[in-house]
Amino acid sequence: MKDNILIAIKKGSSKNLAKYFNENVELLILDKEDIYSKAQAELILKDFFIKNKILKFKLIYKSKRKKANYSIGELTTSRGSFRIFFLLKKGKIYQLRIERKI
C-alpha cells in the first residue's frame, strides 16, 4: 500500500493519493494549513500538483513503528524543491505536509 502512495506522489496524482486519505486529513501545503475533509484535501493537493509539475521524488526516511508510520521525502518540481512528510495510521494518511525546502 505504501508503494502506491509513493507512486501517486511521483506521478503528481492527487486522485490516487486521496484514495489513502483518512476521512479528515491534517494538511499543510505552503500557506494552507488546517484539517480538511478527504475531498477538500484532494482539491488543494490537485491545485499544488497543477502549479508544481513533479520532476523527481526521493524518499529520504521512513519509520518502522507498529501503530503509526511516517515518511519524509524530497520533491523536486518545476517551481522548486519541497520537503514532503506524511503520517500513516492503519494504512490511511492522517497528516500530509509539503513545505518549501530552504
N, C-alpha and C. Protein backbone atom coordinates (compact mmCIF):
# COMPACT_ATOMS: atom_id res chain seq x y z
N MET A 1 0.83 -1.19 0.00
CA MET A 1 0.00 0.00 0.00
C MET A 1 0.87 1.25 0.00
N LYS A 2 1.91 1.27 0.83
CA LYS A 2 2.77 2.45 0.89
C LYS A 2 3.42 2.70 -0.46
N ASP A 3 3.74 1.65 -1.21
CA ASP A 3 4.33 1.82 -2.54
C ASP A 3 3.38 2.59 -3.46
N ASN A 4 2.08 2.32 -3.36
CA ASN A 4 1.09 3.03 -4.17
C ASN A 4 1.05 4.52 -3.81
N ILE A 5 1.27 4.82 -2.55
CA ILE A 5 1.32 6.22 -2.11
C ILE A 5 2.53 6.90 -2.74
N LEU A 6 3.67 6.24 -2.71
CA LEU A 6 4.89 6.82 -3.29
C LEU A 6 4.75 7.00 -4.80
N ILE A 7 4.12 6.06 -5.47
CA ILE A 7 3.89 6.17 -6.91
C ILE A 7 2.97 7.35 -7.21
N ALA A 8 1.92 7.52 -6.41
CA ALA A 8 0.99 8.64 -6.61
C ALA A 8 1.71 9.98 -6.46
N ILE A 9 2.61 10.07 -5.48
CA ILE A 9 3.39 11.30 -5.30
C ILE A 9 4.29 11.54 -6.50
N LYS A 10 5.00 10.50 -6.93
CA LYS A 10 5.91 10.63 -8.08
C LYS A 10 5.19 11.07 -9.34
N LYS A 11 3.95 10.62 -9.51
CA LYS A 11 3.17 10.97 -10.69
C LYS A 11 2.39 12.26 -10.53
N GLY A 12 2.37 12.80 -9.31
CA GLY A 12 1.60 14.01 -9.05
C GLY A 12 0.11 13.76 -9.18
N SER A 13 -0.34 12.60 -8.73
CA SER A 13 -1.74 12.22 -8.86
C SER A 13 -2.49 12.43 -7.54
N SER A 14 -3.19 13.54 -7.44
CA SER A 14 -3.97 13.82 -6.23
C SER A 14 -5.09 12.79 -6.07
N LYS A 15 -5.65 12.36 -7.18
CA LYS A 15 -6.76 11.39 -7.14
C LYS A 15 -6.31 10.07 -6.52
N ASN A 16 -5.17 9.56 -6.98
CA ASN A 16 -4.67 8.28 -6.44
C ASN A 16 -4.17 8.43 -5.01
N LEU A 17 -3.57 9.56 -4.70
CA LEU A 17 -3.09 9.78 -3.33
C LEU A 17 -4.27 9.91 -2.37
N ALA A 18 -5.34 10.56 -2.79
CA ALA A 18 -6.52 10.76 -1.94
C ALA A 18 -7.20 9.45 -1.57
N LYS A 19 -6.98 8.41 -2.35
CA LYS A 19 -7.54 7.09 -2.01
C LYS A 19 -7.07 6.62 -0.64
N TYR A 20 -5.91 7.13 -0.21
CA TYR A 20 -5.32 6.69 1.05
C TYR A 20 -5.52 7.70 2.18
N PHE A 21 -6.26 8.79 1.91
CA PHE A 21 -6.54 9.78 2.95
C PHE A 21 -7.54 9.22 3.95
N ASN A 22 -7.36 9.58 5.20
CA ASN A 22 -8.38 9.34 6.21
C ASN A 22 -9.56 10.25 5.88
N GLU A 23 -10.70 10.06 6.50
CA GLU A 23 -11.87 10.92 6.22
C GLU A 23 -11.56 12.40 6.47
N ASN A 24 -10.73 12.68 7.47
CA ASN A 24 -10.25 14.04 7.73
C ASN A 24 -8.72 13.99 7.76
N VAL A 25 -8.11 14.94 7.11
CA VAL A 25 -6.65 14.95 6.96
C VAL A 25 -6.10 16.28 7.45
N GLU A 26 -5.06 16.20 8.28
CA GLU A 26 -4.35 17.42 8.67
C GLU A 26 -3.39 17.73 7.52
N LEU A 27 -3.62 18.87 6.90
CA LEU A 27 -2.90 19.21 5.67
C LEU A 27 -2.18 20.54 5.83
N LEU A 28 -0.91 20.54 5.46
CA LEU A 28 -0.16 21.78 5.38
C LEU A 28 0.53 21.78 4.02
N ILE A 29 0.05 22.62 3.14
CA ILE A 29 0.67 22.77 1.82
C ILE A 29 0.90 24.25 1.62
N LEU A 30 2.15 24.64 1.72
CA LEU A 30 2.56 26.04 1.63
C LEU A 30 1.77 26.90 2.61
N ASP A 31 0.86 27.74 2.13
CA ASP A 31 0.15 28.65 3.02
C ASP A 31 -1.20 28.10 3.50
N LYS A 32 -1.55 26.90 3.11
CA LYS A 32 -2.82 26.30 3.52
C LYS A 32 -2.54 25.29 4.63
N GLU A 33 -3.13 25.55 5.79
CA GLU A 33 -2.92 24.65 6.92
C GLU A 33 -4.21 24.53 7.72
N ASP A 34 -4.73 23.31 7.79
CA ASP A 34 -5.96 23.07 8.53
C ASP A 34 -6.25 21.57 8.49
N ILE A 35 -7.36 21.21 9.10
CA ILE A 35 -7.86 19.84 8.98
C ILE A 35 -8.98 19.90 7.95
N TYR A 36 -8.82 19.12 6.88
CA TYR A 36 -9.75 19.16 5.76
C TYR A 36 -10.41 17.80 5.58
N SER A 37 -11.57 17.82 4.96
CA SER A 37 -12.20 16.56 4.57
C SER A 37 -11.35 15.94 3.47
N LYS A 38 -11.56 14.69 3.24
CA LYS A 38 -10.84 13.97 2.19
C LYS A 38 -10.98 14.68 0.84
N ALA A 39 -12.20 15.09 0.50
CA ALA A 39 -12.47 15.76 -0.79
C ALA A 39 -11.79 17.12 -0.88
N GLN A 40 -11.86 17.91 0.19
CA GLN A 40 -11.20 19.22 0.19
C GLN A 40 -9.69 19.08 0.07
N ALA A 41 -9.13 18.12 0.81
CA ALA A 41 -7.68 17.89 0.78
C ALA A 41 -7.24 17.49 -0.63
N GLU A 42 -8.04 16.68 -1.30
CA GLU A 42 -7.69 16.27 -2.67
C GLU A 42 -7.65 17.49 -3.60
N LEU A 43 -8.61 18.40 -3.47
CA LEU A 43 -8.64 19.60 -4.32
C LEU A 43 -7.43 20.51 -4.08
N ILE A 44 -7.05 20.68 -2.83
CA ILE A 44 -5.89 21.50 -2.51
C ILE A 44 -4.62 20.87 -3.07
N LEU A 45 -4.51 19.56 -2.92
CA LEU A 45 -3.35 18.84 -3.44
C LEU A 45 -3.32 18.89 -4.97
N LYS A 46 -4.48 18.75 -5.60
CA LYS A 46 -4.57 18.83 -7.06
C LYS A 46 -4.06 20.18 -7.55
N ASP A 47 -4.47 21.25 -6.88
CA ASP A 47 -4.03 22.59 -7.24
C ASP A 47 -2.50 22.70 -7.11
N PHE A 48 -1.94 22.13 -6.05
CA PHE A 48 -0.49 22.15 -5.86
C PHE A 48 0.21 21.43 -7.02
N PHE A 49 -0.28 20.24 -7.37
CA PHE A 49 0.35 19.46 -8.44
C PHE A 49 0.21 20.14 -9.81
N ILE A 50 -0.89 20.85 -10.05
CA ILE A 50 -1.06 21.57 -11.31
C ILE A 50 -0.03 22.70 -11.41
N LYS A 51 0.17 23.40 -10.31
CA LYS A 51 1.10 24.54 -10.30
C LYS A 51 2.57 24.12 -10.19
N ASN A 52 2.82 22.93 -9.70
CA ASN A 52 4.18 22.43 -9.45
C ASN A 52 4.35 21.06 -10.09
N LYS A 53 4.71 21.04 -11.36
CA LYS A 53 4.88 19.77 -12.08
C LYS A 53 6.02 18.98 -11.43
N ILE A 54 5.73 17.73 -11.09
CA ILE A 54 6.71 16.88 -10.42
C ILE A 54 7.80 16.47 -11.42
N LEU A 55 9.04 16.73 -11.03
CA LEU A 55 10.19 16.31 -11.84
C LEU A 55 10.87 15.09 -11.22
N LYS A 56 10.92 15.07 -9.88
CA LYS A 56 11.60 13.97 -9.20
C LYS A 56 11.09 13.87 -7.76
N PHE A 57 11.00 12.65 -7.27
CA PHE A 57 10.66 12.42 -5.87
C PHE A 57 11.63 11.39 -5.31
N LYS A 58 12.17 11.71 -4.14
CA LYS A 58 13.12 10.80 -3.49
C LYS A 58 12.71 10.61 -2.04
N LEU A 59 12.48 9.36 -1.66
CA LEU A 59 12.15 9.04 -0.28
C LEU A 59 13.45 9.10 0.53
N ILE A 60 13.45 9.88 1.59
CA ILE A 60 14.65 10.07 2.41
C ILE A 60 14.62 9.20 3.66
N TYR A 61 13.44 9.10 4.28
CA TYR A 61 13.33 8.36 5.54
C TYR A 61 11.93 7.79 5.69
N LYS A 62 11.85 6.59 6.24
CA LYS A 62 10.56 6.03 6.63
C LYS A 62 10.71 5.32 7.96
N SER A 63 9.79 5.58 8.85
CA SER A 63 9.84 4.98 10.18
C SER A 63 9.29 3.56 10.12
N LYS A 64 9.56 2.81 11.16
CA LYS A 64 9.08 1.42 11.21
C LYS A 64 8.38 1.15 12.53
N ARG A 65 7.40 1.97 12.82
CA ARG A 65 6.61 1.79 14.04
C ARG A 65 5.39 0.92 13.73
N LYS A 66 4.83 0.32 14.76
CA LYS A 66 3.68 -0.56 14.54
C LYS A 66 2.36 0.20 14.39
N LYS A 67 2.10 1.18 15.24
CA LYS A 67 0.80 1.85 15.23
C LYS A 67 0.72 2.99 14.23
N ALA A 68 1.82 3.71 14.04
CA ALA A 68 1.82 4.84 13.11
C ALA A 68 3.20 4.93 12.46
N ASN A 69 3.20 5.13 11.17
CA ASN A 69 4.45 5.27 10.42
C ASN A 69 4.49 6.63 9.76
N TYR A 70 5.67 7.15 9.59
CA TYR A 70 5.79 8.38 8.83
C TYR A 70 6.93 8.28 7.85
N SER A 71 6.83 9.05 6.80
CA SER A 71 7.86 9.07 5.76
C SER A 71 8.17 10.52 5.43
N ILE A 72 9.42 10.73 5.06
CA ILE A 72 9.88 12.06 4.65
C ILE A 72 10.55 11.91 3.29
N GLY A 73 10.24 12.83 2.40
CA GLY A 73 10.84 12.78 1.08
C GLY A 73 11.17 14.16 0.56
N GLU A 74 11.89 14.16 -0.55
CA GLU A 74 12.24 15.41 -1.21
C GLU A 74 11.57 15.42 -2.58
N LEU A 75 10.83 16.48 -2.82
CA LEU A 75 10.06 16.63 -4.04
C LEU A 75 10.67 17.76 -4.86
N THR A 76 11.10 17.44 -6.07
CA THR A 76 11.64 18.46 -6.96
C THR A 76 10.57 18.72 -8.02
N THR A 77 10.19 20.00 -8.16
CA THR A 77 9.14 20.36 -9.10
C THR A 77 9.64 21.44 -10.06
N SER A 78 8.79 21.80 -10.98
CA SER A 78 9.10 22.85 -11.95
C SER A 78 9.25 24.22 -11.28
N ARG A 79 8.78 24.32 -10.04
CA ARG A 79 8.83 25.61 -9.33
C ARG A 79 9.63 25.54 -8.04
N GLY A 80 10.54 24.57 -7.94
CA GLY A 80 11.39 24.50 -6.76
C GLY A 80 11.35 23.16 -6.05
N SER A 81 12.08 23.11 -4.94
CA SER A 81 12.19 21.88 -4.15
C SER A 81 11.38 22.00 -2.87
N PHE A 82 10.80 20.87 -2.47
CA PHE A 82 9.94 20.83 -1.30
C PHE A 82 10.28 19.60 -0.46
N ARG A 83 9.99 19.71 0.83
CA ARG A 83 10.08 18.57 1.73
C ARG A 83 8.65 18.08 1.92
N ILE A 84 8.46 16.77 1.80
CA ILE A 84 7.13 16.21 1.97
C ILE A 84 7.17 15.21 3.13
N PHE A 85 6.15 15.28 3.96
CA PHE A 85 6.04 14.42 5.13
C PHE A 85 4.62 13.88 5.16
N PHE A 86 4.48 12.57 5.40
CA PHE A 86 3.13 12.05 5.62
C PHE A 86 3.14 11.02 6.73
N LEU A 87 2.04 11.05 7.49
CA LEU A 87 1.85 10.17 8.64
C LEU A 87 0.75 9.17 8.31
N LEU A 88 1.06 7.90 8.48
CA LEU A 88 0.11 6.82 8.20
C LEU A 88 -0.29 6.11 9.49
N LYS A 89 -1.57 5.85 9.61
CA LYS A 89 -2.09 5.01 10.68
C LYS A 89 -3.05 4.02 10.03
N LYS A 90 -2.81 2.75 10.25
CA LYS A 90 -3.67 1.70 9.69
C LYS A 90 -3.86 1.87 8.18
N GLY A 91 -2.79 2.23 7.49
CA GLY A 91 -2.83 2.34 6.04
C GLY A 91 -3.47 3.61 5.49
N LYS A 92 -3.88 4.53 6.36
CA LYS A 92 -4.51 5.78 5.93
C LYS A 92 -3.60 6.96 6.24
N ILE A 93 -3.61 7.96 5.37
CA ILE A 93 -2.84 9.18 5.60
C ILE A 93 -3.65 10.10 6.51
N TYR A 94 -3.10 10.40 7.67
CA TYR A 94 -3.74 11.29 8.63
C TYR A 94 -3.16 12.70 8.56
N GLN A 95 -1.91 12.79 8.11
CA GLN A 95 -1.26 14.10 8.02
C GLN A 95 -0.37 14.13 6.78
N LEU A 96 -0.44 15.24 6.06
CA LEU A 96 0.39 15.45 4.88
C LEU A 96 0.90 16.88 4.92
N ARG A 97 2.23 17.02 4.81
CA ARG A 97 2.85 18.34 4.82
C ARG A 97 3.76 18.47 3.61
N ILE A 98 3.63 19.58 2.91
CA ILE A 98 4.53 19.91 1.81
C ILE A 98 5.03 21.32 2.07
N GLU A 99 6.32 21.42 2.37
CA GLU A 99 6.92 22.69 2.73
C GLU A 99 8.08 23.00 1.80
N ARG A 100 8.22 24.27 1.48
CA ARG A 100 9.33 24.70 0.63
C ARG A 100 10.65 24.38 1.30
N LYS A 101 11.54 23.79 0.56
CA LYS A 101 12.86 23.44 1.08
C LYS A 101 13.72 24.70 1.10
N ILE A 102 14.34 24.92 2.24
CA ILE A 102 15.17 26.13 2.39
C ILE A 102 16.62 25.81 2.12
